[in-house]
Amino acid sequence: MSISVGLNKGYPTTKRALKAKPVSRKGAMTTRVKFIRSLVREVAGFAPYEKRVMELLKNSKDKRARKLAKKRLGTLTRAKAKVEELSTIIAESRRAGH
């Protein structure tokens, strides 16, 4: 028997387990892409705005660095990701330096 209103309305059915579509993998980091990006970073270095962001991070001006990255990249989400990436690079260089 089915109810015509409420959360459990309609004919009771069982959910089918569907196979994951290939599009759900879109944007996932592969080993090839990771290698190519690291090679490009090694050859081309950092963009001028990235150098400024890194300098701000070194002087512990995190908010200013985020604002600059947001201005250059367009969205706060991308800016946060970029600042996080650059701060890990700074930390790695400090570890390598000592």
PDB file of N, CA and C in Angstrom:
ATOM      1  N   MET A   1       0.844  -1.176   0.000  1.00  0.00           N
ATOM      2  CA  MET A   1       0.000   0.000   0.000  1.00  0.00           C
ATOM      3  C   MET A   1       0.896   1.249   0.000  1.00  0.00           C
ATOM      4  N   SER A   2       0.542   2.236  -0.816  1.00  0.00           N
ATOM      5  CA  SER A   2       1.356   3.448  -0.897  1.00  0.00           C
ATOM      6  C   SER A   2       0.575   4.662  -0.423  1.00  0.00           C
ATOM      7  N   ILE A   3       1.334   5.635   0.067  1.00  0.00           N
ATOM      8  CA  ILE A   3       0.743   6.874   0.575  1.00  0.00           C
ATOM      9  C   ILE A   3       0.929   7.953  -0.498  1.00  0.00           C
ATOM     10  N   SER A   4      -0.052   8.825  -0.656  1.00  0.00           N
ATOM     11  CA  SER A   4       0.024   9.813  -1.732  1.00  0.00           C
ATOM     12  C   SER A   4       0.735  11.108  -1.335  1.00  0.00           C
ATOM     13  N   VAL A   5       0.991  11.313  -0.027  1.00  0.00           N
ATOM     14  CA  VAL A   5       1.696  12.525   0.410  1.00  0.00           C
ATOM     15  C   VAL A   5       2.781  12.175   1.421  1.00  0.00           C
ATOM     16  N   GLY A   6       3.700  13.132   1.644  1.00  0.00           N
ATOM     17  CA  GLY A   6       4.742  12.942   2.654  1.00  0.00           C
ATOM     18  C   GLY A   6       6.069  12.503   2.064  1.00  0.00           C
ATOM     19  N   LEU A   7       7.012  12.184   2.952  1.00  0.00           N
ATOM     20  CA  LEU A   7       8.354  11.795   2.514  1.00  0.00           C
ATOM     21  C   LEU A   7       8.374  10.451   1.804  1.00  0.00           C
ATOM     22  N   ASN A   8       7.577   9.524   2.275  1.00  0.00           N
ATOM     23  CA  ASN A   8       7.579   8.164   1.697  1.00  0.00           C
ATOM     24  C   ASN A   8       6.428   7.951   0.726  1.00  0.00           C
ATOM     25  N   LYS A   9       6.049   8.979  -0.026  1.00  0.00           N
ATOM     26  CA  LYS A   9       4.916   8.857  -0.944  1.00  0.00           C
ATOM     27  C   LYS A   9       5.312   8.061  -2.184  1.00  0.00           C
ATOM     28  N   GLY A  10       4.315   7.524  -2.852  1.00  0.00           N
ATOM     29  CA  GLY A  10       4.547   6.799  -4.089  1.00  0.00           C
ATOM     30  C   GLY A  10       4.747   5.312  -3.883  1.00  0.00           C
ATOM     31  N   TYR A  11       4.910   4.608  -4.990  1.00  0.00           N
ATOM     32  CA  TYR A  11       5.078   3.153  -4.955  1.00  0.00           C
ATOM     33  C   TYR A  11       6.452   2.809  -4.394  1.00  0.00           C
ATOM     34  N   PRO A  12       6.528   1.888  -3.413  1.00  0.00           N
ATOM     35  CA  PRO A  12       7.837   1.536  -2.825  1.00  0.00           C
ATOM     36  C   PRO A  12       8.694   0.743  -3.812  1.00  0.00           C
ATOM     37  N   THR A  13       9.882   1.269  -4.105  1.00  0.00           N
ATOM     38  CA  THR A  13      10.805   0.611  -5.034  1.00  0.00           C
ATOM     39  C   THR A  13      12.147   0.388  -4.350  1.00  0.00           C
ATOM     40  N   THR A  14      12.965  -0.473  -4.930  1.00  0.00           N
ATOM     41  CA  THR A  14      14.311  -0.717  -4.398  1.00  0.00           C
ATOM     42  C   THR A  14      15.324   0.007  -5.281  1.00  0.00           C
ATOM     43  N   LYS A  15      16.299   0.648  -4.656  1.00  0.00           N
ATOM     44  CA  LYS A  15      17.340   1.368  -5.386  1.00  0.00           C
ATOM     45  C   LYS A  15      18.266   0.369  -6.060  1.00  0.00           C
ATOM     46  N   ARG A  16      18.588   0.652  -7.334  1.00  0.00           N
ATOM     47  CA  ARG A  16      19.555  -0.178  -8.049  1.00  0.00           C
ATOM     48  C   ARG A  16      20.948   0.407  -7.887  1.00  0.00           C
ATOM     49  N   ALA A  17      21.944  -0.458  -7.727  1.00  0.00           N
ATOM     50  CA  ALA A  17      23.330   0.005  -7.633  1.00  0.00           C
ATOM     51  C   ALA A  17      23.869   0.175  -9.044  1.00  0.00           C
ATOM     52  N   LEU A  18      24.021   1.429  -9.485  1.00  0.00           N
ATOM     53  CA  LEU A  18      24.495   1.698 -10.831  1.00  0.00           C
ATOM     54  C   LEU A  18      26.021   1.800 -10.852  1.00  0.00           C
ATOM     55  N   LYS A  19      26.599   1.385 -11.996  1.00  0.00           N
ATOM     56  CA  LYS A  19      28.039   1.462 -12.168  1.00  0.00           C
ATOM     57  C   LYS A  19      28.453   2.925 -12.310  1.00  0.00           C
ATOM     58  N   ALA A  20      29.594   3.288 -11.753  1.00  0.00           N
ATOM     59  CA  ALA A  20      30.072   4.668 -11.815  1.00  0.00           C
ATOM     60  C   ALA A  20      30.372   5.056 -13.252  1.00  0.00           C
ATOM     61  N   LYS A  21      29.934   6.249 -13.640  1.00  0.00           N
ATOM     62  CA  LYS A  21      30.156   6.726 -15.007  1.00  0.00           C
ATOM     63  C   LYS A  21      31.573   7.259 -15.149  1.00  0.00           C
ATOM     64  N   PRO A  22      32.139   7.188 -16.350  1.00  0.00           N
ATOM     65  CA  PRO A  22      33.497   7.699 -16.552  1.00  0.00           C
ATOM     66  C   PRO A  22      33.637   9.193 -16.243  1.00  0.00           C
ATOM     67  N   VAL A  23      32.546   9.952 -16.400  1.00  0.00           N
ATOM     68  CA  VAL A  23      32.613  11.392 -16.166  1.00  0.00           C
ATOM     69  C   VAL A  23      32.908  11.715 -14.703  1.00  0.00           C
ATOM     70  N   SER A  24      32.629  10.781 -13.801  1.00  0.00           N
ATOM     71  CA  SER A  24      32.904  11.024 -12.386  1.00  0.00           C
ATOM     72  C   SER A  24      34.417  11.067 -12.100  1.00  0.00           C
ATOM     73  N   ARG A  25      35.226  10.565 -13.022  1.00  0.00           N
ATOM     74  CA  ARG A  25      36.684  10.611 -12.894  1.00  0.00           C
ATOM     75  C   ARG A  25      37.271  11.930 -13.395  1.00  0.00           C
ATOM     76  N   LYS A  26      36.446  12.771 -14.017  1.00  0.00           N
ATOM     77  CA  LYS A  26      36.921  14.001 -14.653  1.00  0.00           C
ATOM     78  C   LYS A  26      37.667  14.883 -13.657  1.00  0.00           C
ATOM     79  N   GLY A  27      38.837  15.330 -14.045  1.00  0.00           N
ATOM     80  CA  GLY A  27      39.626  16.212 -13.201  1.00  0.00           C
ATOM     81  C   GLY A  27      40.521  15.484 -12.215  1.00  0.00           C
ATOM     82  N   ALA A  28      40.463  14.155 -12.184  1.00  0.00           N
ATOM     83  CA  ALA A  28      41.293  13.387 -11.251  1.00  0.00           C
ATOM     84  C   ALA A  28      42.748  13.436 -11.710  1.00  0.00           C
ATOM     85  N   MET A  29      43.665  13.522 -10.761  1.00  0.00           N
ATOM     86  CA  MET A  29      45.082  13.619 -11.060  1.00  0.00           C
ATOM     87  C   MET A  29      45.643  12.250 -11.436  1.00  0.00           C
ATOM     88  N   THR A  30      46.189  12.156 -12.659  1.00  0.00           N
ATOM     89  CA  THR A  30      46.847  10.926 -13.086  1.00  0.00           C
ATOM     90  C   THR A  30      48.352  11.098 -12.923  1.00  0.00           C
ATOM     91  N   THR A  31      49.098  10.005 -12.981  1.00  0.00           N
ATOM     92  CA  THR A  31      50.549  10.086 -12.802  1.00  0.00           C
ATOM     93  C   THR A  31      51.191  10.888 -13.932  1.00  0.00           C
ATOM     94  N   ARG A  32      50.654  10.739 -15.149  1.00  0.00           N
ATOM     95  CA  ARG A  32      51.189  11.451 -16.316  1.00  0.00           C
ATOM     96  C   ARG A  32      51.005  12.954 -16.155  1.00  0.00           C
ATOM     97  N   VAL A  33      49.796  13.370 -15.781  1.00  0.00           N
ATOM     98  CA  VAL A  33      49.492  14.791 -15.614  1.00  0.00           C
ATOM     99  C   VAL A  33      50.339  15.372 -14.483  1.00  0.00           C
ATOM    100  N   LYS A  34      50.493  14.617 -13.403  1.00  0.00           N
ATOM    101  CA  LYS A  34      51.290  15.056 -12.265  1.00  0.00           C
ATOM    102  C   LYS A  34      52.742  15.302 -12.694  1.00  0.00           C
ATOM    103  N   PHE A  35      53.291  14.376 -13.477  1.00  0.00           N
ATOM    104  CA  PHE A  35      54.664  14.496 -13.954  1.00  0.00           C
ATOM    105  C   PHE A  35      54.821  15.710 -14.862  1.00  0.00           C
ATOM    106  N   ILE A  36      53.876  15.892 -15.794  1.00  0.00           N
ATOM    107  CA  ILE A  36      53.955  17.008 -16.744  1.00  0.00           C
ATOM    108  C   ILE A  36      53.874  18.341 -16.014  1.00  0.00           C
ATOM    109  N   ARG A  37      52.963  18.445 -15.037  1.00  0.00           N
ATOM    110  CA  ARG A  37      52.829  19.698 -14.286  1.00  0.00           C
ATOM    111  C   ARG A  37      54.080  20.011 -13.487  1.00  0.00           C
ATOM    112  N   SER A  38      54.692  18.974 -12.901  1.00  0.00           N
ATOM    113  CA  SER A  38      55.919  19.209 -12.138  1.00  0.00           C
ATOM    114  C   SER A  38      57.055  19.648 -13.068  1.00  0.00           C
ATOM    115  N   LEU A  39      57.093  19.071 -14.270  1.00  0.00           N
ATOM    116  CA  LEU A  39      58.117  19.434 -15.258  1.00  0.00           C
ATOM    117  C   LEU A  39      57.941  20.880 -15.710  1.00  0.00           C
ATOM    118  N   VAL A  40      56.701  21.275 -15.980  1.00  0.00           N
ATOM    119  CA  VAL A  40      56.416  22.659 -16.388  1.00  0.00           C
ATOM    120  C   VAL A  40      56.780  23.625 -15.278  1.00  0.00           C
ATOM    121  N   ARG A  41      56.457  23.270 -14.034  1.00  0.00           N
ATOM    122  CA  ARG A  41      56.793  24.119 -12.877  1.00  0.00           C
ATOM    123  C   ARG A  41      58.307  24.283 -12.770  1.00  0.00           C
ATOM    124  N   GLU A  42      59.041  23.188 -13.012  1.00  0.00           N
ATOM    125  CA  GLU A  42      60.502  23.201 -12.918  1.00  0.00           C
ATOM    126  C   GLU A  42      61.118  24.095 -13.994  1.00  0.00           C
ATOM    127  N   VAL A  43      60.571  24.019 -15.218  1.00  0.00           N
ATOM    128  CA  VAL A  43      61.125  24.766 -16.343  1.00  0.00           C
ATOM    129  C   VAL A  43      60.695  26.231 -16.296  1.00  0.00           C
ATOM    130  N   ALA A  44      59.394  26.481 -16.091  1.00  0.00           N
ATOM    131  CA  ALA A  44      58.856  27.840 -16.192  1.00  0.00           C
ATOM    132  C   ALA A  44      58.967  28.616 -14.887  1.00  0.00           C
ATOM    133  N   GLY A  45      59.002  27.923 -13.761  1.00  0.00           N
ATOM    134  CA  GLY A  45      59.072  28.603 -12.470  1.00  0.00           C
ATOM    135  C   GLY A  45      57.716  29.135 -12.050  1.00  0.00           C
ATOM    136  N   PHE A  46      57.725  30.190 -11.258  1.00  0.00           N
ATOM    137  CA  PHE A  46      56.494  30.762 -10.723  1.00  0.00           C
ATOM    138  C   PHE A  46      56.110  32.029 -11.487  1.00  0.00           C
ATOM    139  N   ALA A  47      54.810  32.282 -11.554  1.00  0.00           N
ATOM    140  CA  ALA A  47      54.301  33.515 -12.145  1.00  0.00           C
ATOM    141  C   ALA A  47      54.598  34.665 -11.183  1.00  0.00           C
ATOM    142  N   PRO A  48      54.667  35.888 -11.698  1.00  0.00           N
ATOM    143  CA  PRO A  48      54.966  37.021 -10.817  1.00  0.00           C
ATOM    144  C   PRO A  48      54.007  37.165  -9.635  1.00  0.00           C
ATOM    145  N   TYR A  49      52.709  36.931  -9.871  1.00  0.00           N
ATOM    146  CA  TYR A  49      51.758  37.041  -8.758  1.00  0.00           C
ATOM    147  C   TYR A  49      51.985  35.941  -7.731  1.00  0.00           C
ATOM    148  N   GLU A  50      52.427  34.769  -8.187  1.00  0.00           N
ATOM    149  CA  GLU A  50      52.726  33.671  -7.258  1.00  0.00           C
ATOM    150  C   GLU A  50      53.929  34.022  -6.385  1.00  0.00           C
ATOM    151  N   LYS A  51      54.913  34.679  -6.975  1.00  0.00           N
ATOM    152  CA  LYS A  51      56.083  35.118  -6.204  1.00  0.00           C
ATOM    153  C   LYS A  51      55.672  36.125  -5.133  1.00  0.00           C
ATOM    154  N   ARG A  52      54.762  37.040  -5.503  1.00  0.00           N
ATOM    155  CA  ARG A  52      54.265  38.026  -4.530  1.00  0.00           C
ATOM    156  C   ARG A  52      53.498  37.362  -3.400  1.00  0.00           C
ATOM    157  N   VAL A  53      52.665  36.374  -3.762  1.00  0.00           N
ATOM    158  CA  VAL A  53      51.885  35.639  -2.755  1.00  0.00           C
ATOM    159  C   VAL A  53      52.832  34.920  -1.799  1.00  0.00           C
ATOM    160  N   MET A  54      53.873  34.299  -2.346  1.00  0.00           N
ATOM    161  CA  MET A  54      54.837  33.585  -1.506  1.00  0.00           C
ATOM    162  C   MET A  54      55.562  34.545  -0.568  1.00  0.00           C
ATOM    163  N   GLU A  55      55.886  35.730  -1.062  1.00  0.00           N
ATOM    164  CA  GLU A  55      56.548  36.732  -0.234  1.00  0.00           C
ATOM    165  C   GLU A  55      55.634  37.175   0.909  1.00  0.00           C
ATOM    166  N   LEU A  56      54.349  37.364   0.597  1.00  0.00           N
ATOM    167  CA  LEU A  56      53.377  37.742   1.629  1.00  0.00           C
ATOM    168  C   LEU A  56      53.234  36.633   2.671  1.00  0.00           C
ATOM    169  N   LEU A  57      53.230  35.385   2.219  1.00  0.00           N
ATOM    170  CA  LEU A  57      53.119  34.258   3.144  1.00  0.00           C
ATOM    171  C   LEU A  57      54.341  34.170   4.060  1.00  0.00           C
ATOM    172  N   LYS A  58      55.519  34.444   3.486  1.00  0.00           N
ATOM    173  CA  LYS A  58      56.739  34.421   4.299  1.00  0.00           C
ATOM    174  C   LYS A  58      56.700  35.491   5.388  1.00  0.00           C
ATOM    175  N   ASN A  59      56.045  36.620   5.086  1.00  0.00           N
ATOM    176  CA  ASN A  59      55.914  37.704   6.067  1.00  0.00           C
ATOM    177  C   ASN A  59      54.647  37.565   6.902  1.00  0.00           C
ATOM    178  N   SER A  60      54.068  36.376   6.904  1.00  0.00           N
ATOM    179  CA  SER A  60      52.861  36.013   7.655  1.00  0.00           C
ATOM    180  C   SER A  60      51.695  36.978   7.437  1.00  0.00           C
ATOM    181  N   LYS A  61      51.497  37.363   6.189  1.00  0.00           N
ATOM    182  CA  LYS A  61      50.338  38.164   5.801  1.00  0.00           C
ATOM    183  C   LYS A  61      49.402  37.270   4.985  1.00  0.00           C
ATOM    184  N   ASP A  62      48.797  36.282   5.665  1.00  0.00           N
ATOM    185  CA  ASP A  62      47.999  35.265   4.994  1.00  0.00           C
ATOM    186  C   ASP A  62      46.760  35.845   4.328  1.00  0.00           C
ATOM    187  N   LYS A  63      46.088  36.750   5.036  1.00  0.00           N
ATOM    188  CA  LYS A  63      44.847  37.315   4.494  1.00  0.00           C
ATOM    189  C   LYS A  63      45.127  38.140   3.235  1.00  0.00           C
ATOM    190  N   ARG A  64      46.184  38.944   3.279  1.00  0.00           N
ATOM    191  CA  ARG A  64      46.565  39.761   2.118  1.00  0.00           C
ATOM    192  C   ARG A  64      46.939  38.855   0.939  1.00  0.00           C
ATOM    193  N   ALA A  65      47.627  37.748   1.232  1.00  0.00           N
ATOM    194  CA  ALA A  65      48.011  36.793   0.186  1.00  0.00           C
ATOM    195  C   ALA A  65      46.772  36.183  -0.464  1.00  0.00           C
ATOM    196  N   ARG A  66      45.782  35.827   0.377  1.00  0.00           N
ATOM    197  CA  ARG A  66      44.534  35.260  -0.142  1.00  0.00           C
ATOM    198  C   ARG A  66      43.791  36.272  -1.016  1.00  0.00           C
ATOM    199  N   LYS A  67      43.777  37.529  -0.573  1.00  0.00           N
ATOM    200  CA  LYS A  67      43.081  38.573  -1.329  1.00  0.00           C
ATOM    201  C   LYS A  67      43.745  38.811  -2.686  1.00  0.00           C
ATOM    202  N   LEU A  68      45.078  38.810  -2.703  1.00  0.00           N
ATOM    203  CA  LEU A  68      45.809  38.988  -3.957  1.00  0.00           C
ATOM    204  C   LEU A  68      45.534  37.819  -4.907  1.00  0.00           C
ATOM    205  N   ALA A  69      45.573  36.611  -4.367  1.00  0.00           N
ATOM    206  CA  ALA A  69      45.302  35.419  -5.186  1.00  0.00           C
ATOM    207  C   ALA A  69      43.876  35.447  -5.723  1.00  0.00           C
ATOM    208  N   LYS A  70      42.930  35.898  -4.908  1.00  0.00           N
ATOM    209  CA  LYS A  70      41.528  35.988  -5.345  1.00  0.00           C
ATOM    210  C   LYS A  70      41.387  36.987  -6.488  1.00  0.00           C
ATOM    211  N   LYS A  71      42.075  38.120  -6.370  1.00  0.00           N
ATOM    212  CA  LYS A  71      42.034  39.144  -7.420  1.00  0.00           C
ATOM    213  C   LYS A  71      42.574  38.596  -8.735  1.00  0.00           C
ATOM    214  N   ARG A  72      43.644  37.809  -8.654  1.00  0.00           N
ATOM    215  CA  ARG A  72      44.284  37.286  -9.867  1.00  0.00           C
ATOM    216  C   ARG A  72      43.553  36.073 -10.454  1.00  0.00           C
ATOM    217  N   LEU A  73      42.994  35.220  -9.573  1.00  0.00           N
ATOM    218  CA  LEU A  73      42.405  33.958 -10.044  1.00  0.00           C
ATOM    219  C   LEU A  73      40.892  34.011 -10.239  1.00  0.00           C
ATOM    220  N   GLY A  74      40.209  34.958  -9.579  1.00  0.00           N
ATOM    221  CA  GLY A  74      38.783  35.115  -9.829  1.00  0.00           C
ATOM    222  C   GLY A  74      37.853  34.605  -8.753  1.00  0.00           C
ATOM    223  N   THR A  75      38.164  33.469  -8.129  1.00  0.00           N
ATOM    224  CA  THR A  75      37.275  32.937  -7.099  1.00  0.00           C
ATOM    225  C   THR A  75      38.056  32.653  -5.822  1.00  0.00           C
ATOM    226  N   LEU A  76      37.347  32.716  -4.706  1.00  0.00           N
ATOM    227  CA  LEU A  76      37.979  32.482  -3.408  1.00  0.00           C
ATOM    228  C   LEU A  76      38.431  31.034  -3.262  1.00  0.00           C
ATOM    229  N   THR A  77      37.660  30.107  -3.817  1.00  0.00           N
ATOM    230  CA  THR A  77      38.015  28.684  -3.732  1.00  0.00           C
ATOM    231  C   THR A  77      39.348  28.415  -4.422  1.00  0.00           C
ATOM    232  N   ARG A  78      39.512  28.963  -5.624  1.00  0.00           N
ATOM    233  CA  ARG A  78      40.776  28.795  -6.361  1.00  0.00           C
ATOM    234  C   ARG A  78      41.918  29.489  -5.638  1.00  0.00           C
ATOM    235  N   ALA A  79      41.618  30.654  -5.060  1.00  0.00           N
ATOM    236  CA  ALA A  79      42.636  31.411  -4.334  1.00  0.00           C
ATOM    237  C   ALA A  79      43.122  30.632  -3.118  1.00  0.00           C
ATOM    238  N   LYS A  80      42.187  30.057  -2.358  1.00  0.00           N
ATOM    239  CA  LYS A  80      42.555  29.265  -1.183  1.00  0.00           C
ATOM    240  C   LYS A  80      43.423  28.082  -1.573  1.00  0.00           C
ATOM    241  N   ALA A  81      43.053  27.403  -2.665  1.00  0.00           N
ATOM    242  CA  ALA A  81      43.829  26.247  -3.133  1.00  0.00           C
ATOM    243  C   ALA A  81      45.237  26.672  -3.528  1.00  0.00           C
ATOM    244  N   LYS A  82      45.354  27.797  -4.224  1.00  0.00           N
ATOM    245  CA  LYS A  82      46.656  28.298  -4.677  1.00  0.00           C
ATOM    246  C   LYS A  82      47.527  28.695  -3.493  1.00  0.00           C
ATOM    247  N   VAL A  83      46.946  29.386  -2.518  1.00  0.00           N
ATOM    248  CA  VAL A  83      47.694  29.802  -1.321  1.00  0.00           C
ATOM    249  C   VAL A  83      48.175  28.575  -0.554  1.00  0.00           C
ATOM    250  N   GLU A  84      47.309  27.572  -0.451  1.00  0.00           N
ATOM    251  CA  GLU A  84      47.676  26.321   0.229  1.00  0.00           C
ATOM    252  C   GLU A  84      48.843  25.641  -0.491  1.00  0.00           C
ATOM    253  N   GLU A  85      48.754  25.585  -1.823  1.00  0.00           N
ATOM    254  CA  GLU A  85      49.810  24.976  -2.642  1.00  0.00           C
ATOM    255  C   GLU A  85      51.138  25.702  -2.449  1.00  0.00           C
ATOM    256  N   LEU A  86      51.103  27.033  -2.489  1.00  0.00           N
ATOM    257  CA  LEU A  86      52.330  27.821  -2.353  1.00  0.00           C
ATOM    258  C   LEU A  86      52.906  27.738  -0.943  1.00  0.00           C
ATOM    259  N   SER A  87      52.034  27.652   0.074  1.00  0.00           N
ATOM    260  CA  SER A  87      52.547  27.531   1.443  1.00  0.00           C
ATOM    261  C   SER A  87      53.209  26.171   1.667  1.00  0.00           C
ATOM    262  N   THR A  88      52.689  25.115   1.023  1.00  0.00           N
ATOM    263  CA  THR A  88      53.362  23.806   1.127  1.00  0.00           C
ATOM    264  C   THR A  88      54.708  23.839   0.417  1.00  0.00           C
ATOM    265  N   ILE A  89      54.794  24.563  -0.699  1.00  0.00           N
ATOM    266  CA  ILE A  89      56.070  24.695  -1.416  1.00  0.00           C
ATOM    267  C   ILE A  89      57.090  25.434  -0.543  1.00  0.00           C
ATOM    268  N   ILE A  90      56.641  26.487   0.143  1.00  0.00           N
ATOM    269  CA  ILE A  90      57.532  27.232   1.051  1.00  0.00           C
ATOM    270  C   ILE A  90      58.019  26.319   2.177  1.00  0.00           C
ATOM    271  N   ALA A  91      57.096  25.533   2.740  1.00  0.00           N
ATOM    272  CA  ALA A  91      57.459  24.614   3.837  1.00  0.00           C
ATOM    273  C   ALA A  91      58.466  23.573   3.367  1.00  0.00           C
ATOM    274  N   GLU A  92      58.267  23.046   2.156  1.00  0.00           N
ATOM    275  CA  GLU A  92      59.201  22.046   1.609  1.00  0.00           C
ATOM    276  C   GLU A  92      60.573  22.664   1.388  1.00  0.00           C
ATOM    277  N   SER A  93      60.610  23.900   0.881  1.00  0.00           N
ATOM    278  CA  SER A  93      61.900  24.549   0.636  1.00  0.00           C
ATOM    279  C   SER A  93      62.628  24.829   1.956  1.00  0.00           C
ATOM    280  N   ARG A  94      61.859  25.140   3.024  1.00  0.00           N
ATOM    281  CA  ARG A  94      62.464  25.341   4.343  1.00  0.00           C
ATOM    282  C   ARG A  94      63.067  24.043   4.856  1.00  0.00           C
ATOM    283  N   ARG A  95      62.308  22.922   4.660  1.00  0.00           N
ATOM    284  CA  ARG A  95      62.817  21.617   5.099  1.00  0.00           C
ATOM    285  C   ARG A  95      64.065  21.234   4.325  1.00  0.00           C
ATOM    286  N   ALA A  96      64.082  21.514   3.029  1.00  0.00           N
ATOM    287  CA  ALA A  96      65.241  21.183   2.197  1.00  0.00           C
ATOM    288  C   ALA A  96      66.436  22.066   2.555  1.00  0.00           C
ATOM    289  N   GLY A  97      66.163  23.302   2.952  1.00  0.00           N
ATOM    290  CA  GLY A  97      67.233  24.241   3.315  1.00  0.00           C
ATOM    291  C   GLY A  97      67.964  23.876   4.585  1.00  0.00           C
ATOM    292  N   HIS A  98      67.245  23.244   5.540  1.00  0.00           N
ATOM    293  CA  HIS A  98      67.864  22.905   6.831  1.00  0.00           C
ATOM    294  C   HIS A  98      68.488  21.543   6.829  1.00  0.00           C
TER     295      HIS A  98
END
